[in-house]
N, C-alpha and C. Protein backbone atom coordinates (compact mmCIF):
# COMPACT_ATOMS: atom_id res chain seq x y z
N UNK A 1 -10.31 29.29 16.34
CA UNK A 1 -10.17 28.47 15.13
C UNK A 1 -9.89 29.42 13.96
N UNK A 2 -8.86 29.10 13.18
CA UNK A 2 -8.49 29.93 12.04
C UNK A 2 -9.28 29.52 10.80
N UNK A 3 -9.64 30.50 10.00
CA UNK A 3 -10.31 30.20 8.75
C UNK A 3 -9.33 29.54 7.80
N UNK A 4 -9.84 28.90 6.76
CA UNK A 4 -8.99 28.22 5.77
C UNK A 4 -8.07 29.22 5.07
N UNK A 5 -8.55 30.42 4.78
CA UNK A 5 -7.73 31.43 4.11
C UNK A 5 -6.55 31.86 4.98
N UNK A 6 -6.81 32.06 6.26
CA UNK A 6 -5.74 32.47 7.18
C UNK A 6 -4.73 31.34 7.33
N UNK A 7 -5.20 30.09 7.46
CA UNK A 7 -4.28 28.95 7.56
C UNK A 7 -3.42 28.84 6.31
N UNK A 8 -4.02 29.04 5.13
CA UNK A 8 -3.27 28.98 3.87
C UNK A 8 -2.24 30.08 3.82
N UNK A 9 -2.63 31.28 4.21
CA UNK A 9 -1.70 32.41 4.22
C UNK A 9 -0.52 32.13 5.15
N UNK A 10 -0.81 31.66 6.35
CA UNK A 10 0.25 31.35 7.32
C UNK A 10 1.17 30.26 6.81
N UNK A 11 0.61 29.25 6.18
CA UNK A 11 1.41 28.16 5.61
C UNK A 11 2.32 28.69 4.51
N UNK A 12 1.78 29.55 3.64
CA UNK A 12 2.60 30.13 2.56
C UNK A 12 3.72 31.00 3.12
N UNK A 13 3.44 31.75 4.18
CA UNK A 13 4.47 32.59 4.79
C UNK A 13 5.59 31.72 5.35
N UNK A 14 5.27 30.64 6.02
CA UNK A 14 6.28 29.74 6.58
C UNK A 14 7.10 29.12 5.46
N UNK A 15 6.45 28.67 4.39
CA UNK A 15 7.15 28.06 3.26
C UNK A 15 8.10 29.07 2.63
N UNK A 16 7.65 30.31 2.45
CA UNK A 16 8.51 31.31 1.79
C UNK A 16 9.72 31.63 2.64
N UNK A 17 9.55 31.77 3.96
CA UNK A 17 10.71 32.06 4.79
C UNK A 17 11.64 30.86 4.84
N UNK A 18 11.10 29.67 4.78
CA UNK A 18 11.94 28.47 4.80
C UNK A 18 12.72 28.32 3.51
N UNK A 19 12.13 28.70 2.37
CA UNK A 19 12.80 28.54 1.08
C UNK A 19 14.09 29.35 1.04
N UNK A 20 14.04 30.60 1.43
CA UNK A 20 15.25 31.44 1.42
C UNK A 20 16.25 30.99 2.48
N UNK A 21 15.78 30.66 3.68
CA UNK A 21 16.68 30.23 4.74
C UNK A 21 17.36 28.92 4.37
N UNK A 22 16.63 28.02 3.75
CA UNK A 22 17.23 26.75 3.31
C UNK A 22 18.30 27.01 2.26
N UNK A 23 18.02 27.92 1.36
CA UNK A 23 18.95 28.23 0.28
C UNK A 23 20.19 28.98 0.78
N UNK A 24 19.99 30.02 1.59
CA UNK A 24 21.07 30.94 1.97
C UNK A 24 21.64 30.72 3.36
N UNK A 25 20.96 29.93 4.18
CA UNK A 25 21.35 29.78 5.57
C UNK A 25 20.47 30.64 6.45
N UNK A 26 20.49 30.38 7.73
CA UNK A 26 19.61 31.08 8.67
C UNK A 26 19.93 32.56 8.82
N UNK A 27 21.23 32.91 8.75
CA UNK A 27 21.65 34.30 8.98
C UNK A 27 22.58 34.77 7.88
N UNK A 28 22.51 36.06 7.60
CA UNK A 28 23.40 36.70 6.63
C UNK A 28 24.20 37.78 7.35
N UNK A 29 25.41 37.99 6.89
CA UNK A 29 26.30 38.99 7.49
C UNK A 29 25.86 40.38 7.07
N UNK A 30 25.81 41.29 8.04
CA UNK A 30 25.32 42.65 7.76
C UNK A 30 26.44 43.59 7.32
N UNK A 31 27.60 43.49 7.95
CA UNK A 31 28.72 44.38 7.60
C UNK A 31 30.03 43.61 7.66
N UNK A 32 31.04 44.13 6.98
CA UNK A 32 32.37 43.52 7.00
C UNK A 32 32.98 43.66 8.40
N UNK A 33 33.81 42.71 8.75
CA UNK A 33 34.55 42.73 10.02
C UNK A 33 33.63 42.87 11.22
N UNK A 34 32.45 42.32 11.14
CA UNK A 34 31.48 42.46 12.22
C UNK A 34 30.69 41.16 12.32
N UNK A 35 30.32 40.80 13.52
CA UNK A 35 29.53 39.59 13.72
C UNK A 35 28.04 39.84 13.64
N UNK A 36 27.64 41.09 13.36
CA UNK A 36 26.22 41.41 13.28
C UNK A 36 25.59 40.71 12.09
N UNK A 37 24.46 40.06 12.33
CA UNK A 37 23.78 39.32 11.27
C UNK A 37 22.32 39.75 11.15
N UNK A 38 21.72 39.32 10.06
CA UNK A 38 20.31 39.55 9.78
C UNK A 38 19.70 38.18 9.52
N UNK A 39 18.55 37.91 10.08
CA UNK A 39 17.88 36.64 9.81
C UNK A 39 17.41 36.63 8.36
N UNK A 40 17.77 35.58 7.65
CA UNK A 40 17.42 35.46 6.23
C UNK A 40 15.92 35.57 6.01
N UNK A 41 15.15 35.06 6.93
CA UNK A 41 13.69 35.07 6.78
C UNK A 41 13.12 36.47 6.64
N UNK A 42 13.85 37.50 7.09
CA UNK A 42 13.34 38.86 6.98
C UNK A 42 13.34 39.36 5.53
N UNK A 43 14.02 38.66 4.63
CA UNK A 43 14.04 39.05 3.22
C UNK A 43 12.83 38.52 2.45
N UNK A 44 12.20 37.49 2.99
CA UNK A 44 11.12 36.81 2.28
C UNK A 44 9.87 37.68 2.20
N UNK A 45 9.08 37.41 1.17
CA UNK A 45 7.80 38.09 1.05
C UNK A 45 7.36 38.19 -0.39
N UNK A 46 6.07 38.14 -0.57
CA UNK A 46 5.50 38.24 -1.91
C UNK A 46 5.80 39.62 -2.49
N UNK A 47 6.17 39.65 -3.77
CA UNK A 47 6.47 40.91 -4.43
C UNK A 47 7.85 41.46 -4.12
N UNK A 48 8.66 40.67 -3.42
CA UNK A 48 10.03 41.06 -3.09
C UNK A 48 11.00 40.19 -3.87
N UNK A 49 12.23 40.69 -4.03
CA UNK A 49 13.24 39.99 -4.82
C UNK A 49 14.59 40.04 -4.12
N UNK A 50 15.37 38.99 -4.34
CA UNK A 50 16.72 38.91 -3.79
C UNK A 50 17.68 38.66 -4.95
N UNK A 51 18.73 39.47 -5.01
CA UNK A 51 19.77 39.27 -6.01
C UNK A 51 20.97 38.60 -5.37
N UNK A 52 21.37 37.45 -5.89
CA UNK A 52 22.58 36.79 -5.41
C UNK A 52 23.73 37.28 -6.27
N UNK A 53 24.67 37.97 -5.63
CA UNK A 53 25.78 38.57 -6.36
C UNK A 53 27.06 37.78 -6.12
N UNK A 54 27.43 36.98 -7.11
CA UNK A 54 28.64 36.18 -7.07
C UNK A 54 29.77 37.05 -7.63
N UNK A 55 30.77 37.30 -6.79
CA UNK A 55 31.81 38.26 -7.16
C UNK A 55 33.05 38.04 -6.30
N UNK A 56 34.15 38.73 -6.65
CA UNK A 56 35.37 38.67 -5.85
C UNK A 56 36.22 39.90 -6.14
N UNK A 57 36.98 40.31 -5.15
CA UNK A 57 37.83 41.49 -5.29
C UNK A 57 38.92 41.30 -6.35
N UNK A 58 39.45 40.10 -6.49
CA UNK A 58 40.55 39.84 -7.43
C UNK A 58 40.10 39.89 -8.90
N UNK A 59 38.81 39.98 -9.14
CA UNK A 59 38.23 39.91 -10.48
C UNK A 59 37.98 41.32 -11.04
N UNK A 60 38.78 41.76 -12.06
CA UNK A 60 38.58 43.11 -12.62
C UNK A 60 37.16 43.39 -13.12
N UNK A 61 36.50 42.47 -13.86
CA UNK A 61 35.13 42.77 -14.27
C UNK A 61 34.18 42.94 -13.08
N UNK A 62 34.46 42.24 -11.99
CA UNK A 62 33.64 42.39 -10.78
C UNK A 62 33.82 43.79 -10.20
N UNK A 63 35.07 44.21 -10.09
CA UNK A 63 35.35 45.54 -9.53
C UNK A 63 34.76 46.64 -10.41
N UNK A 64 34.63 46.39 -11.71
CA UNK A 64 34.00 47.37 -12.60
C UNK A 64 32.48 47.38 -12.45
N UNK A 65 31.88 46.20 -12.26
CA UNK A 65 30.42 46.12 -12.17
C UNK A 65 29.88 46.50 -10.80
N UNK A 66 30.62 46.23 -9.74
CA UNK A 66 30.12 46.49 -8.39
C UNK A 66 29.62 47.93 -8.21
N UNK A 67 30.34 48.97 -8.65
CA UNK A 67 29.81 50.33 -8.49
C UNK A 67 28.48 50.54 -9.23
N UNK A 68 28.31 49.91 -10.39
CA UNK A 68 27.03 49.99 -11.11
C UNK A 68 25.92 49.39 -10.28
N UNK A 69 26.21 48.21 -9.69
CA UNK A 69 25.20 47.53 -8.88
C UNK A 69 24.90 48.32 -7.62
N UNK A 70 25.91 48.92 -7.01
CA UNK A 70 25.70 49.75 -5.81
C UNK A 70 24.75 50.90 -6.15
N UNK A 71 24.99 51.56 -7.27
CA UNK A 71 24.13 52.68 -7.68
C UNK A 71 22.69 52.20 -7.90
N UNK A 72 22.53 51.10 -8.63
CA UNK A 72 21.20 50.55 -8.87
C UNK A 72 20.53 50.20 -7.55
N UNK A 73 21.25 49.50 -6.70
CA UNK A 73 20.73 49.06 -5.41
C UNK A 73 20.27 50.25 -4.56
N UNK A 74 21.12 51.25 -4.46
CA UNK A 74 20.78 52.41 -3.62
C UNK A 74 19.52 53.12 -4.11
N UNK A 75 19.33 53.18 -5.39
CA UNK A 75 18.12 53.80 -5.94
C UNK A 75 16.91 52.88 -5.83
N UNK A 76 17.10 51.61 -6.19
CA UNK A 76 15.98 50.69 -6.30
C UNK A 76 15.51 50.16 -4.96
N UNK A 77 16.39 50.05 -4.01
CA UNK A 77 16.03 49.51 -2.69
C UNK A 77 15.02 50.40 -1.97
N UNK A 78 14.95 51.66 -2.36
CA UNK A 78 14.04 52.59 -1.70
C UNK A 78 12.60 52.07 -1.71
N UNK A 79 12.25 51.28 -2.71
CA UNK A 79 10.90 50.73 -2.80
C UNK A 79 10.66 49.59 -1.83
N UNK A 80 11.73 49.09 -1.19
CA UNK A 80 11.59 48.03 -0.19
C UNK A 80 11.33 46.65 -0.75
N UNK A 81 11.54 46.47 -2.06
CA UNK A 81 11.22 45.17 -2.66
C UNK A 81 12.45 44.41 -3.14
N UNK A 82 13.65 44.94 -2.87
CA UNK A 82 14.86 44.35 -3.43
C UNK A 82 15.99 44.34 -2.42
N UNK A 83 16.67 43.20 -2.32
CA UNK A 83 17.87 43.08 -1.49
C UNK A 83 18.90 42.29 -2.26
N UNK A 84 20.16 42.57 -2.03
CA UNK A 84 21.26 41.85 -2.65
C UNK A 84 22.01 41.09 -1.57
N UNK A 85 22.46 39.89 -1.92
CA UNK A 85 23.29 39.08 -1.03
C UNK A 85 24.57 38.74 -1.77
N UNK A 86 25.70 39.17 -1.23
CA UNK A 86 27.02 38.91 -1.80
C UNK A 86 27.44 37.48 -1.49
N UNK A 87 27.84 36.76 -2.54
CA UNK A 87 28.36 35.41 -2.40
C UNK A 87 29.80 35.47 -2.91
N UNK A 88 30.74 35.47 -1.99
CA UNK A 88 32.13 35.78 -2.30
C UNK A 88 32.94 34.62 -2.86
N UNK A 89 33.73 34.94 -3.88
CA UNK A 89 34.73 34.01 -4.40
C UNK A 89 36.14 34.50 -4.04
N UNK A 90 36.23 35.37 -3.03
CA UNK A 90 37.53 35.85 -2.60
C UNK A 90 38.33 34.70 -2.01
N UNK A 91 39.66 34.86 -2.02
CA UNK A 91 40.54 33.77 -1.61
C UNK A 91 40.84 33.74 -0.11
N UNK A 92 40.50 34.81 0.60
CA UNK A 92 40.74 34.81 2.04
C UNK A 92 39.81 35.82 2.74
N UNK A 93 39.72 35.70 4.05
CA UNK A 93 38.83 36.54 4.85
C UNK A 93 39.16 38.02 4.70
N UNK A 94 40.44 38.37 4.67
CA UNK A 94 40.84 39.78 4.55
C UNK A 94 40.37 40.40 3.24
N UNK A 95 40.51 39.66 2.14
CA UNK A 95 40.04 40.16 0.84
C UNK A 95 38.53 40.33 0.86
N UNK A 96 37.84 39.35 1.44
CA UNK A 96 36.38 39.44 1.58
C UNK A 96 36.00 40.68 2.38
N UNK A 97 36.63 40.87 3.54
CA UNK A 97 36.29 42.01 4.40
C UNK A 97 36.49 43.34 3.67
N UNK A 98 37.60 43.46 2.96
CA UNK A 98 37.87 44.69 2.24
C UNK A 98 36.87 44.97 1.14
N UNK A 99 36.55 43.95 0.37
CA UNK A 99 35.62 44.11 -0.76
C UNK A 99 34.20 44.29 -0.26
N UNK A 100 33.77 43.45 0.67
CA UNK A 100 32.41 43.54 1.21
C UNK A 100 32.20 44.88 1.92
N UNK A 101 33.27 45.45 2.46
CA UNK A 101 33.17 46.75 3.12
C UNK A 101 32.73 47.87 2.19
N UNK A 102 32.87 47.66 0.87
CA UNK A 102 32.45 48.68 -0.10
C UNK A 102 31.01 48.46 -0.58
N UNK A 103 30.35 47.47 -0.02
CA UNK A 103 29.00 47.10 -0.47
C UNK A 103 27.95 47.44 0.58
N UNK A 104 26.79 47.96 0.15
CA UNK A 104 25.75 48.35 1.10
C UNK A 104 24.74 47.25 1.42
N UNK A 105 24.98 46.03 0.99
CA UNK A 105 24.02 44.95 1.17
C UNK A 105 24.55 43.87 2.09
N UNK A 106 23.88 42.74 2.11
CA UNK A 106 24.21 41.62 2.99
C UNK A 106 25.14 40.63 2.30
N UNK A 107 25.63 39.64 3.06
CA UNK A 107 26.51 38.63 2.47
C UNK A 107 26.31 37.28 3.16
N UNK A 108 26.56 36.23 2.40
CA UNK A 108 26.73 34.92 2.99
C UNK A 108 28.07 35.03 3.73
N UNK A 109 28.13 34.67 5.01
CA UNK A 109 29.39 34.81 5.74
C UNK A 109 30.54 34.11 5.02
N UNK A 110 31.69 34.77 4.97
CA UNK A 110 32.83 34.20 4.26
C UNK A 110 33.20 32.83 4.83
N UNK A 111 33.04 32.67 6.12
CA UNK A 111 33.41 31.42 6.78
C UNK A 111 32.59 30.23 6.30
N UNK A 112 31.46 30.49 5.66
CA UNK A 112 30.60 29.39 5.19
C UNK A 112 30.93 29.06 3.74
N UNK A 113 32.11 28.52 3.52
CA UNK A 113 32.56 28.16 2.17
C UNK A 113 31.70 27.06 1.57
N UNK A 114 31.15 26.21 2.41
CA UNK A 114 30.27 25.14 1.91
C UNK A 114 29.01 25.74 1.29
N UNK A 115 28.44 26.74 1.92
CA UNK A 115 27.23 27.39 1.38
C UNK A 115 27.54 28.07 0.05
N UNK A 116 28.71 28.71 -0.05
CA UNK A 116 29.12 29.34 -1.30
C UNK A 116 29.20 28.30 -2.41
N UNK A 117 29.82 27.15 -2.11
CA UNK A 117 29.95 26.08 -3.11
C UNK A 117 28.58 25.53 -3.51
N UNK A 118 27.70 25.36 -2.53
CA UNK A 118 26.34 24.86 -2.82
C UNK A 118 25.59 25.82 -3.73
N UNK A 119 25.68 27.12 -3.44
CA UNK A 119 24.97 28.11 -4.24
C UNK A 119 25.52 28.17 -5.67
N UNK A 120 26.84 28.12 -5.79
CA UNK A 120 27.46 28.11 -7.13
C UNK A 120 26.99 26.91 -7.93
N UNK A 121 26.96 25.77 -7.27
CA UNK A 121 26.51 24.54 -7.93
C UNK A 121 25.02 24.62 -8.29
N UNK A 122 24.22 25.03 -7.33
CA UNK A 122 22.76 25.12 -7.50
C UNK A 122 22.38 25.97 -8.72
N UNK A 123 23.10 27.09 -8.91
CA UNK A 123 22.74 28.03 -9.97
C UNK A 123 23.68 27.96 -11.18
N UNK A 124 24.59 26.99 -11.18
CA UNK A 124 25.47 26.81 -12.34
C UNK A 124 26.39 27.99 -12.59
N UNK A 125 26.86 28.62 -11.52
CA UNK A 125 27.74 29.78 -11.66
C UNK A 125 29.14 29.30 -12.00
N UNK A 126 29.59 29.62 -13.21
CA UNK A 126 30.93 29.20 -13.63
C UNK A 126 31.82 30.39 -13.98
N UNK A 127 31.29 31.60 -13.85
CA UNK A 127 32.10 32.80 -14.05
C UNK A 127 31.51 33.92 -13.21
N UNK A 128 32.36 34.89 -12.91
CA UNK A 128 31.92 36.03 -12.13
C UNK A 128 32.33 37.31 -12.87
N UNK A 129 31.61 38.39 -12.68
CA UNK A 129 30.47 38.56 -11.79
C UNK A 129 29.19 37.95 -12.37
N UNK A 130 28.38 37.42 -11.49
CA UNK A 130 27.07 36.89 -11.86
C UNK A 130 26.05 37.43 -10.86
N UNK A 131 24.93 37.90 -11.36
CA UNK A 131 23.83 38.38 -10.51
C UNK A 131 22.58 37.60 -10.88
N UNK A 132 22.09 36.83 -9.93
CA UNK A 132 20.90 36.01 -10.14
C UNK A 132 19.77 36.61 -9.31
N UNK A 133 18.65 36.89 -9.96
CA UNK A 133 17.50 37.47 -9.27
C UNK A 133 16.51 36.35 -8.93
N UNK A 134 16.12 36.30 -7.66
CA UNK A 134 15.17 35.31 -7.16
C UNK A 134 13.91 35.98 -6.65
N UNK A 135 12.78 35.27 -6.73
CA UNK A 135 11.58 35.71 -6.04
C UNK A 135 11.81 35.42 -4.56
N UNK A 136 11.60 36.41 -3.72
CA UNK A 136 11.88 36.24 -2.29
C UNK A 136 10.85 35.36 -1.58
N UNK A 137 9.70 35.16 -2.19
CA UNK A 137 8.70 34.34 -1.52
C UNK A 137 8.85 32.85 -1.83
N UNK A 138 9.51 32.51 -2.92
CA UNK A 138 9.63 31.10 -3.30
C UNK A 138 11.07 30.66 -3.57
N UNK A 139 11.98 31.62 -3.67
CA UNK A 139 13.39 31.38 -4.04
C UNK A 139 13.51 30.85 -5.47
N UNK A 140 12.49 31.07 -6.30
CA UNK A 140 12.55 30.69 -7.71
C UNK A 140 13.36 31.72 -8.49
N UNK A 141 14.10 31.23 -9.49
CA UNK A 141 14.91 32.11 -10.32
C UNK A 141 14.01 32.95 -11.23
N UNK A 142 14.22 34.25 -11.22
CA UNK A 142 13.56 35.16 -12.15
C UNK A 142 14.44 35.32 -13.37
N UNK A 143 15.74 35.57 -13.12
CA UNK A 143 16.71 35.67 -14.22
C UNK A 143 18.11 35.37 -13.70
N UNK A 144 18.90 34.76 -14.54
CA UNK A 144 20.31 34.54 -14.24
C UNK A 144 21.16 35.61 -14.94
N UNK A 145 20.50 36.55 -15.59
CA UNK A 145 21.19 37.59 -16.36
C UNK A 145 21.08 38.96 -15.70
N UNK A 146 21.10 38.98 -14.38
CA UNK A 146 20.95 40.23 -13.65
C UNK A 146 22.03 41.26 -13.97
N UNK A 147 23.25 40.81 -14.15
CA UNK A 147 24.34 41.75 -14.47
C UNK A 147 24.02 42.49 -15.76
N UNK A 148 23.65 41.75 -16.78
CA UNK A 148 23.31 42.34 -18.07
C UNK A 148 22.12 43.27 -17.93
N UNK A 149 21.14 42.87 -17.13
CA UNK A 149 19.92 43.67 -16.98
C UNK A 149 20.19 44.98 -16.24
N UNK A 150 21.04 44.93 -15.21
CA UNK A 150 21.39 46.17 -14.49
C UNK A 150 22.08 47.14 -15.44
N UNK A 151 22.98 46.61 -16.28
CA UNK A 151 23.72 47.45 -17.22
C UNK A 151 22.79 48.06 -18.27
N UNK A 152 21.85 47.27 -18.78
CA UNK A 152 20.94 47.75 -19.84
C UNK A 152 19.75 48.54 -19.31
N UNK A 153 19.38 48.32 -18.05
CA UNK A 153 18.21 48.97 -17.46
C UNK A 153 18.59 49.52 -16.08
N UNK A 154 19.50 50.49 -16.03
CA UNK A 154 20.03 50.95 -14.73
C UNK A 154 19.01 51.61 -13.82
N UNK A 155 17.85 51.97 -14.35
CA UNK A 155 16.81 52.56 -13.50
C UNK A 155 15.81 51.52 -13.02
N UNK A 156 15.92 50.29 -13.53
CA UNK A 156 15.01 49.23 -13.11
C UNK A 156 13.62 49.38 -13.67
N UNK A 157 13.48 50.09 -14.76
CA UNK A 157 12.17 50.34 -15.36
C UNK A 157 11.43 49.03 -15.68
N UNK A 158 12.19 48.02 -16.14
CA UNK A 158 11.57 46.74 -16.51
C UNK A 158 11.77 45.65 -15.46
N UNK A 159 12.24 46.04 -14.27
CA UNK A 159 12.47 45.08 -13.19
C UNK A 159 11.16 44.37 -12.86
N UNK A 160 11.16 43.07 -12.66
CA UNK A 160 12.24 42.16 -12.25
C UNK A 160 12.91 41.40 -13.40
N UNK A 161 12.78 41.82 -14.61
CA UNK A 161 13.54 41.28 -15.72
C UNK A 161 13.41 39.77 -15.91
N UNK A 162 12.24 39.28 -16.11
CA UNK A 162 12.08 37.82 -16.31
C UNK A 162 12.84 37.41 -17.57
N UNK A 163 13.26 36.15 -17.58
CA UNK A 163 14.09 35.61 -18.66
C UNK A 163 13.40 35.72 -20.00
C-alpha cells in the first residue's frame, strides 16, 4: 500500500509527463534526416524548462538569432534543466532538414504540420523567430519573450525569466 505522499507524487509525475506529451506529441525528432526520436515525457520534471523555438530557414532574423540561441543552449543545458524544441515554419522537408541540421536540440517532426499549426495557435505565434519558455512539469508559459531574454541575458543569470 502506497502512502498518500507517494501516491500524490506519482500522480503529479504522470500529469507532468502527460502535459508536455499532449502539447508536443508523444515523440520528438532527435536529428535531421533521421527517424531517431526521443519520448517527449523525458523532458518533463519539476525545476526543468522547455523552450519552444518557432523559426524557419527562409527568415533572416531567425538565421541571425539561431547562433545566439545555440550558444546559450550549449552553455545552459549543462545544468540539465533546459531543453529546446524547434517548431519549424519551413516550406518543405529539405529546408527543414538543412536548418534543423545546424541545431543541437530536438524538433517537432516536420511531417506533423498539424502539431505545428496547433502550437502556433495555442501560443499566439504570429511572427518568427519566437522563443516561448515553458515549465516542463506543467507546460505552463513562463515567458513568451525568450528571444529578447536570450539576447539581453546571454548567460542565463536571471533564467527562467518570468514575464
